[in-house]
Amino acid sequence: MKYYIIAGEASGDLHGSNLIKELKLLDKDADIRCWGGDLMREAGGTLVKHYKDLAFMGFVEVLMNLRTILKNIAFCKEDIDAYKPDVLVLIDYPGFNLRIAEWGKARGYKIAFYISPQVWAWKESRVKKMKQYIDKMLVILPFEKDYYKDKWHWDVEYVGHPLVKVIDNYKKQSTGHPHDREIVALLPGSRKQEILKKLPIMLEVSRHFENYQFVVAKAPGQEDSFYEPLLAPYNNVTSVRGKTYDLLLESTAALVTSGTATLETALFGVPEVVCYKGSNISYQIAKRLIKVKYISLVNLIMDKLVVKELIQDDLTVDNLVSELKNLLENPERKQQLQKDYAALKQLLSGGGDASATAARSIYDFVKS
């Protein structure tokens, strides 16, 4: 069968690659064309467009790049019609994928959506239309199934979170390496705008912890030359590229940009402070539209403040220093955090391998 899969960012590339691997195990004749990244290509998908050419962050940035976004959408539709897939598999990336879903449904394609848009946080009005043009919705957060059922009378399928298996496998295969000093990981995000907002603040924190080694996880889409002037003034700061999981495996604590990385850090058992800072205009708009209590997935899933969130004006060097000291020096804080992390993992397990469950659901759906 022919599958057309669209992911628009790094996390979608990861989950898409594992989905492709599982689809190929189920369907020996699987022909997969995709938008995504290097991981999806390595898994066996024919890559049409890389996510680094698609990712725009914030309201202002989207408006500035609207012409490019519209061109990409038009090209995507043409490419789908030329390929004539048996199913469209859309992975998160709602601004783009929901447009493709609506168009695809009208064109007669089967539509599977893997990893729900965060409509429970904002743009809830999308759900009415989503019910009309998404044939199979697969969700990865435990509260989403009840949200859709109770509020929207829509039966969606909870498959568990794919990161649980990914990180469990990684920990089994990796041994780690000894270090002279304990490591604090800095995960400042993948997009240039967000890195420039947050990384300078994170780096200044290193001056207050000279006995620790701070290590920046570089984004795959950014050149070394982008980071060099930012990192140069700091004696106890180094960097890695393409080794974020190695870094988390060996870290004592982490300062992490809000997003999937907060969940990855928790599943590695690393104490973390969640950091968010955007352009003032984008933040002011978001603050008025977003309805959730927390910005990190860890806190949202657990429905309580498990990890500290420093947002916008609260993201200062002094506040980060204070929170990091608490993580490094307070045994009771560490103990409670590990209990909460264990409960989080249990909630996300979903009874098995999420990628395999999702692939089976999609395969059965296309065959039916």
Protein backbone atom coordinates (compact mmCIF):
# COMPACT_ATOMS: atom_id res chain seq x y z
CA MET A 1 0.00 0.00 0.00
CA LYS A 2 1.02 3.62 -0.50
CA TYR A 3 1.38 5.90 2.53
CA TYR A 4 1.91 9.67 2.40
CA ILE A 5 3.20 10.87 5.79
CA ILE A 6 3.65 14.52 6.80
CA ALA A 7 5.66 15.70 9.83
CA GLY A 8 6.80 19.30 10.22
CA GLU A 9 9.35 19.33 13.04
CA ALA A 10 12.07 17.33 14.77
CA SER A 11 9.79 15.45 17.18
CA GLY A 12 7.47 14.52 14.31
CA ASP A 13 10.48 13.23 12.37
CA LEU A 14 11.38 10.96 15.31
CA HIS A 15 7.87 9.57 15.75
CA GLY A 16 7.37 9.35 12.01
CA SER A 17 10.55 7.32 11.59
CA ASN A 18 9.42 4.77 14.18
CA LEU A 19 5.99 4.61 12.58
CA ILE A 20 7.59 3.96 9.17
CA LYS A 21 9.69 1.12 10.61
CA GLU A 22 6.60 -0.51 12.12
CA LEU A 23 4.52 -0.04 8.94
CA LYS A 24 7.25 -1.74 6.93
CA LEU A 25 7.17 -4.70 9.32
CA LEU A 26 3.41 -5.02 8.87
CA ASP A 27 3.23 -4.25 5.16
CA LYS A 28 6.05 -5.75 3.11
CA ASP A 29 4.84 -3.80 0.06
CA ALA A 30 4.67 -0.45 1.88
CA ASP A 31 5.61 2.47 -0.37
CA ILE A 32 6.11 5.57 1.78
CA ARG A 33 6.47 9.16 0.62
CA CYS A 34 6.99 11.76 3.33
CA TRP A 35 7.65 15.26 4.56
CA GLY A 36 9.90 15.11 7.62
CA GLY A 37 13.59 14.76 8.26
CA ASP A 38 16.68 12.60 8.14
CA LEU A 39 15.26 9.98 10.50
CA MET A 40 12.19 9.36 8.32
CA ARG A 41 14.41 9.10 5.25
CA GLU A 42 16.73 6.64 7.02
CA ALA A 43 13.71 4.56 8.06
CA GLY A 44 12.80 4.08 4.41
CA GLY A 45 10.57 6.99 3.46
CA THR A 46 11.11 8.94 0.24
CA LEU A 47 11.66 12.46 1.59
CA VAL A 48 9.90 15.22 -0.36
CA LYS A 49 10.69 18.21 1.87
CA HIS A 50 12.74 18.62 5.07
CA TYR A 51 11.10 19.99 8.21
CA LYS A 52 13.82 22.62 8.64
CA ASP A 53 12.29 24.37 5.61
CA LEU A 54 8.85 24.31 7.25
CA ALA A 55 9.32 25.31 10.90
CA PHE A 56 8.23 28.83 11.82
CA MET A 57 7.69 29.75 15.49
CA GLY A 58 5.18 32.24 16.90
CA PHE A 59 2.44 34.42 15.46
CA VAL A 60 4.74 37.13 14.09
CA GLU A 61 7.14 34.67 12.47
CA VAL A 62 4.28 32.80 10.78
CA LEU A 63 2.90 36.04 9.32
CA MET A 64 6.34 37.01 8.02
CA ASN A 65 6.68 33.67 6.24
CA LEU A 66 3.07 33.28 5.09
CA ARG A 67 3.92 33.30 1.39
CA THR A 68 6.38 30.42 1.83
CA ILE A 69 3.87 28.46 3.93
CA LEU A 70 1.13 28.85 1.29
CA LYS A 71 3.52 27.77 -1.48
CA ASN A 72 4.42 24.67 0.53
CA ILE A 73 0.75 23.79 1.01
CA ALA A 74 0.03 24.15 -2.72
CA PHE A 75 3.05 22.03 -3.63
CA CYS A 76 2.06 19.38 -1.08
CA LYS A 77 -1.43 19.04 -2.59
CA GLU A 78 0.02 18.64 -6.09
CA ASP A 79 2.49 16.03 -4.87
CA ILE A 80 -0.20 14.02 -3.09
CA ASP A 81 -2.42 13.99 -6.19
CA ALA A 82 0.51 12.86 -8.34
CA TYR A 83 1.36 10.06 -5.88
CA LYS A 84 -2.25 8.94 -5.18
CA PRO A 85 -1.66 7.32 -1.74
CA ASP A 86 -4.00 4.84 -0.06
CA VAL A 87 -3.87 6.97 3.09
CA LEU A 88 -2.62 10.33 4.33
CA VAL A 89 -0.91 10.00 7.72
CA LEU A 90 -0.57 13.43 9.33
CA ILE A 91 1.70 13.80 12.37
CA ASP A 92 0.91 16.79 14.63
CA TYR A 93 2.00 20.09 12.92
CA PRO A 94 -1.61 21.33 12.92
CA GLY A 95 -1.35 24.66 11.09
CA PHE A 96 -0.24 22.79 7.99
CA ASN A 97 -1.67 19.31 8.45
CA LEU A 98 -5.24 20.31 9.30
CA ARG A 99 -5.42 22.19 6.00
CA ILE A 100 -4.15 19.12 4.18
CA ALA A 101 -6.62 16.91 6.07
CA GLU A 102 -9.61 19.03 5.05
CA TRP A 103 -8.47 19.18 1.44
CA GLY A 104 -7.57 15.48 1.38
CA LYS A 105 -10.94 14.39 2.73
CA ALA A 106 -12.70 16.41 0.03
CA ARG A 107 -10.50 14.70 -2.57
CA GLY A 108 -11.53 11.28 -1.30
CA TYR A 109 -8.34 10.26 0.52
CA LYS A 110 -8.42 8.32 3.78
CA ILE A 111 -7.14 10.54 6.60
CA ALA A 112 -5.29 9.29 9.69
CA PHE A 113 -4.01 11.85 12.20
CA TYR A 114 -1.27 10.65 14.58
CA ILE A 115 -0.53 12.89 17.59
CA SER A 116 -3.39 15.27 18.16
CA PRO A 117 -3.12 19.03 17.80
CA GLN A 118 -3.23 20.60 21.25
CA VAL A 119 -6.79 21.83 20.82
CA TRP A 120 -7.36 21.35 24.55
CA ALA A 121 -4.92 24.25 25.03
CA TRP A 122 -6.12 26.63 22.35
CA LYS A 123 -8.08 26.82 19.08
CA GLU A 124 -10.64 24.40 20.50
CA SER A 125 -13.06 25.46 17.79
CA ARG A 126 -11.01 23.36 15.36
CA VAL A 127 -12.48 20.14 16.75
CA LYS A 128 -15.86 20.44 14.99
CA LYS A 129 -14.18 20.43 11.60
CA MET A 130 -11.57 17.87 12.64
CA LYS A 131 -14.36 15.38 13.35
CA GLN A 132 -15.62 15.87 9.81
CA TYR A 133 -12.38 15.29 7.92
CA ILE A 134 -10.23 13.04 10.11
CA ASP A 135 -11.20 9.39 9.75
CA LYS A 136 -8.82 7.94 12.36
CA MET A 137 -7.41 10.00 15.25
CA LEU A 138 -4.58 8.46 17.27
CA VAL A 139 -3.64 10.31 20.48
CA ILE A 140 -0.54 9.93 22.65
CA LEU A 141 -1.48 11.78 25.84
CA PRO A 142 -3.70 9.90 28.31
CA PHE A 143 -6.11 12.76 29.05
CA GLU A 144 -6.86 13.35 25.36
CA LYS A 145 -9.11 10.30 24.92
CA ASP A 146 -11.46 11.47 27.68
CA TYR A 147 -11.27 15.07 26.45
CA TYR A 148 -12.52 14.13 23.00
CA LYS A 149 -15.08 11.63 24.29
CA ASP A 150 -16.58 13.71 27.11
CA LYS A 151 -16.55 17.11 25.45
CA TRP A 152 -16.90 16.29 21.77
CA HIS A 153 -18.48 12.79 21.66
CA TRP A 154 -15.64 11.63 19.45
CA ASP A 155 -14.07 8.21 19.95
CA VAL A 156 -10.35 8.52 19.40
CA GLU A 157 -7.69 5.88 20.06
CA TYR A 158 -5.06 6.26 22.79
CA VAL A 159 -1.93 4.38 21.71
CA GLY A 160 0.46 5.48 24.48
CA HIS A 161 3.41 7.81 24.03
CA PRO A 162 6.09 6.63 21.57
CA LEU A 163 8.90 8.24 23.58
CA VAL A 164 8.54 5.67 26.39
CA LYS A 165 9.76 2.83 24.17
CA VAL A 166 12.31 5.00 22.36
CA ILE A 167 13.99 6.08 25.59
CA ASP A 168 13.75 2.68 27.29
CA ASN A 169 15.52 1.11 24.32
CA TYR A 170 18.13 3.83 24.31
CA LYS A 171 18.93 3.41 27.99
CA LYS A 172 19.31 -0.36 27.55
CA GLN A 173 21.78 0.08 24.69
CA SER A 174 23.87 2.87 26.24
CA THR A 175 26.35 2.67 29.10
CA GLY A 176 27.40 6.30 29.56
CA HIS A 177 30.91 7.61 30.21
CA PRO A 178 32.71 8.82 33.34
CA HIS A 179 33.22 12.58 33.68
CA ASP A 180 35.46 14.75 35.83
CA ARG A 181 32.55 17.03 36.71
CA GLU A 182 28.81 16.58 36.95
CA ILE A 183 26.92 17.76 33.88
CA VAL A 184 24.09 20.24 33.51
CA ALA A 185 22.40 19.92 30.11
CA LEU A 186 21.18 23.01 28.27
CA LEU A 187 18.41 22.29 25.74
CA PRO A 188 17.56 25.69 24.21
CA GLY A 189 15.35 24.45 21.37
CA SER A 190 15.71 23.94 17.65
CA ARG A 191 14.66 27.21 16.03
CA LYS A 192 17.01 30.16 15.74
CA GLN A 193 14.54 32.67 17.23
CA GLU A 194 13.93 30.64 20.39
CA ILE A 195 17.61 29.80 20.87
CA LEU A 196 18.57 33.47 20.75
CA LYS A 197 15.89 34.31 23.33
CA LYS A 198 16.79 31.63 25.88
CA LEU A 199 20.33 30.34 25.45
CA PRO A 200 22.12 33.56 26.56
CA ILE A 201 20.20 33.44 29.86
CA MET A 202 20.97 29.74 30.33
CA LEU A 203 24.66 30.33 29.62
CA GLU A 204 24.95 33.07 32.22
CA VAL A 205 23.79 30.56 34.85
CA SER A 206 27.00 28.57 34.26
CA ARG A 207 29.05 31.35 35.91
CA HIS A 208 27.38 30.49 39.23
CA PHE A 209 28.24 26.76 39.07
CA GLU A 210 31.92 26.59 38.25
CA ASN A 211 32.27 23.02 39.56
CA TYR A 212 29.77 21.76 36.97
CA GLN A 213 30.20 21.19 33.26
CA PHE A 214 27.42 22.80 31.20
CA VAL A 215 26.75 21.19 27.82
CA VAL A 216 24.59 22.71 25.08
CA ALA A 217 22.62 20.37 22.82
CA LYS A 218 22.91 21.91 19.36
CA ALA A 219 19.91 21.74 17.05
CA PRO A 220 20.36 19.67 13.87
CA GLY A 221 19.17 22.55 11.71
CA GLN A 222 21.65 25.16 13.03
CA GLU A 223 25.29 25.56 12.02
CA ASP A 224 28.21 25.47 14.48
CA SER A 225 29.02 29.05 13.45
CA PHE A 226 25.68 30.16 14.90
CA TYR A 227 26.60 28.84 18.37
CA GLU A 228 30.30 29.74 18.51
CA PRO A 229 29.99 33.44 19.49
CA LEU A 230 27.30 32.60 22.05
CA LEU A 231 29.38 29.93 23.81
CA ALA A 232 32.85 31.50 23.52
CA PRO A 233 32.79 33.64 26.73
CA TYR A 234 32.10 30.68 29.05
CA ASN A 235 34.91 28.49 30.39
CA ASN A 236 32.79 25.61 31.69
CA VAL A 237 30.49 25.28 28.67
CA THR A 238 30.86 22.79 25.82
CA SER A 239 28.42 21.48 23.23
CA VAL A 240 27.28 18.33 21.45
CA ARG A 241 25.46 17.74 18.18
CA GLY A 242 23.22 14.79 17.47
CA LYS A 243 23.84 13.38 20.95
CA THR A 244 21.05 14.85 23.04
CA TYR A 245 20.06 11.46 24.46
CA ASP A 246 23.69 10.69 25.36
CA LEU A 247 23.78 14.06 27.10
CA LEU A 248 20.58 13.44 29.09
CA LEU A 249 21.76 9.97 30.05
CA GLU A 250 24.81 11.50 31.73
CA SER A 251 23.33 14.72 33.14
CA THR A 252 22.64 15.59 36.77
CA ALA A 253 20.16 18.34 35.88
CA ALA A 254 18.88 20.21 32.83
CA LEU A 255 17.53 23.59 31.73
CA VAL A 256 15.02 22.79 29.01
CA THR A 257 12.96 24.73 26.49
CA SER A 258 9.24 23.96 26.74
CA GLY A 259 8.10 21.28 24.31
CA THR A 260 8.76 17.60 23.75
CA ALA A 261 12.22 17.96 25.29
CA THR A 262 10.65 18.45 28.73
CA LEU A 263 9.05 15.02 28.44
CA GLU A 264 12.23 13.39 27.13
CA THR A 265 14.20 14.84 30.03
CA ALA A 266 11.68 13.49 32.54
CA LEU A 267 11.70 10.01 30.96
CA PHE A 268 15.49 10.00 31.37
CA GLY A 269 14.90 10.82 35.05
CA VAL A 270 16.82 14.12 34.89
CA PRO A 271 15.69 16.94 37.23
CA GLU A 272 14.82 19.94 35.08
CA VAL A 273 13.74 23.57 34.97
CA VAL A 274 11.42 24.39 32.07
CA CYS A 275 12.25 27.62 30.23
CA TYR A 276 10.10 29.67 27.89
CA LYS A 277 10.69 33.11 26.42
CA GLY A 278 9.30 34.38 23.10
CA SER A 279 8.96 37.70 21.34
CA ASN A 280 6.83 40.02 23.45
CA ILE A 281 4.09 40.31 20.83
CA SER A 282 3.82 36.54 20.34
CA TYR A 283 3.80 35.98 24.10
CA GLN A 284 1.08 38.58 24.76
CA ILE A 285 -1.13 37.02 22.09
CA ALA A 286 -0.50 33.48 23.34
CA LYS A 287 -1.20 34.42 26.94
CA ARG A 288 -4.68 35.58 25.98
CA LEU A 289 -5.49 32.54 23.86
CA ILE A 290 -3.96 29.55 25.63
CA LYS A 291 -6.19 28.02 28.29
CA VAL A 292 -4.01 25.43 30.05
CA LYS A 293 -2.53 25.77 33.53
CA TYR A 294 0.98 24.70 32.51
CA ILE A 295 3.26 24.95 29.48
CA SER A 296 5.28 21.75 30.00
CA LEU A 297 3.93 18.35 28.98
CA VAL A 298 5.20 16.87 32.25
CA ASN A 299 2.95 19.11 34.34
CA LEU A 300 0.00 18.90 31.94
CA ILE A 301 -0.04 15.09 31.96
CA MET A 302 0.38 14.87 35.73
CA ASP A 303 -2.08 17.76 36.25
CA LYS A 304 0.16 19.32 38.89
CA LEU A 305 3.39 21.31 39.16
CA VAL A 306 6.02 18.56 38.96
CA VAL A 307 8.75 20.64 37.30
CA LYS A 308 9.30 24.37 37.76
CA GLU A 309 8.30 26.57 34.82
CA LEU A 310 10.00 29.93 34.26
CA ILE A 311 7.99 31.81 31.66
CA GLN A 312 8.80 35.06 29.80
CA ASP A 313 9.75 37.75 32.38
CA ASP A 314 10.30 35.11 35.06
CA LEU A 315 13.04 33.55 32.95
CA THR A 316 15.95 35.44 34.49
CA VAL A 317 19.47 34.41 35.47
CA ASP A 318 18.70 34.88 39.19
CA ASN A 319 15.56 32.71 39.02
CA LEU A 320 17.30 29.99 37.05
CA VAL A 321 20.23 29.95 39.47
CA SER A 322 17.85 29.59 42.41
CA GLU A 323 15.86 26.76 40.83
CA LEU A 324 18.95 24.90 39.65
CA LYS A 325 20.48 25.06 43.15
CA ASN A 326 17.30 23.56 44.53
CA LEU A 327 17.51 20.66 42.07
CA LEU A 328 21.19 20.01 42.75
CA GLU A 329 21.31 20.48 46.52
CA ASN A 330 17.87 19.53 47.94
CA PRO A 331 17.58 15.72 48.48
CA GLU A 332 13.85 15.89 49.27
CA ARG A 333 13.18 17.73 46.03
CA LYS A 334 15.10 15.09 44.06
CA GLN A 335 13.27 12.23 45.77
CA GLN A 336 9.82 13.68 45.10
CA LEU A 337 10.73 14.37 41.50
CA GLN A 338 11.75 10.77 40.89
CA LYS A 339 8.43 9.54 42.34
CA ASP A 340 6.53 11.87 40.04
CA TYR A 341 8.62 10.82 37.04
CA ALA A 342 7.83 7.14 37.74
CA ALA A 343 4.10 7.91 37.88
CA LEU A 344 4.38 9.90 34.64
CA LYS A 345 6.02 6.99 32.83
CA GLN A 346 3.29 4.63 34.00
CA LEU A 347 0.61 6.95 32.63
CA LEU A 348 2.34 7.21 29.27
CA SER A 349 3.01 3.51 28.72
CA GLY A 350 -0.47 2.83 27.37
CA GLY A 351 -0.05 -0.92 27.67
CA GLY A 352 2.70 -1.39 25.08
CA ASP A 353 4.71 0.00 22.17
CA ALA A 354 2.95 3.13 20.91
CA SER A 355 4.59 3.16 17.46
CA ALA A 356 3.68 -0.48 16.82
CA THR A 357 0.12 0.08 18.08
CA ALA A 358 -0.29 3.14 15.86
CA ALA A 359 1.10 1.34 12.81
CA ARG A 360 -1.26 -1.60 13.33
CA SER A 361 -4.22 0.74 13.72
CA ILE A 362 -3.35 2.63 10.52
CA TYR A 363 -2.67 -0.56 8.57
CA ASP A 364 -5.97 -2.14 9.62
CA PHE A 365 -7.80 1.10 8.88
CA VAL A 366 -6.40 1.32 5.32
CA LYS A 367 -7.22 -2.32 4.63
CA SER A 368 -10.81 -2.00 5.85
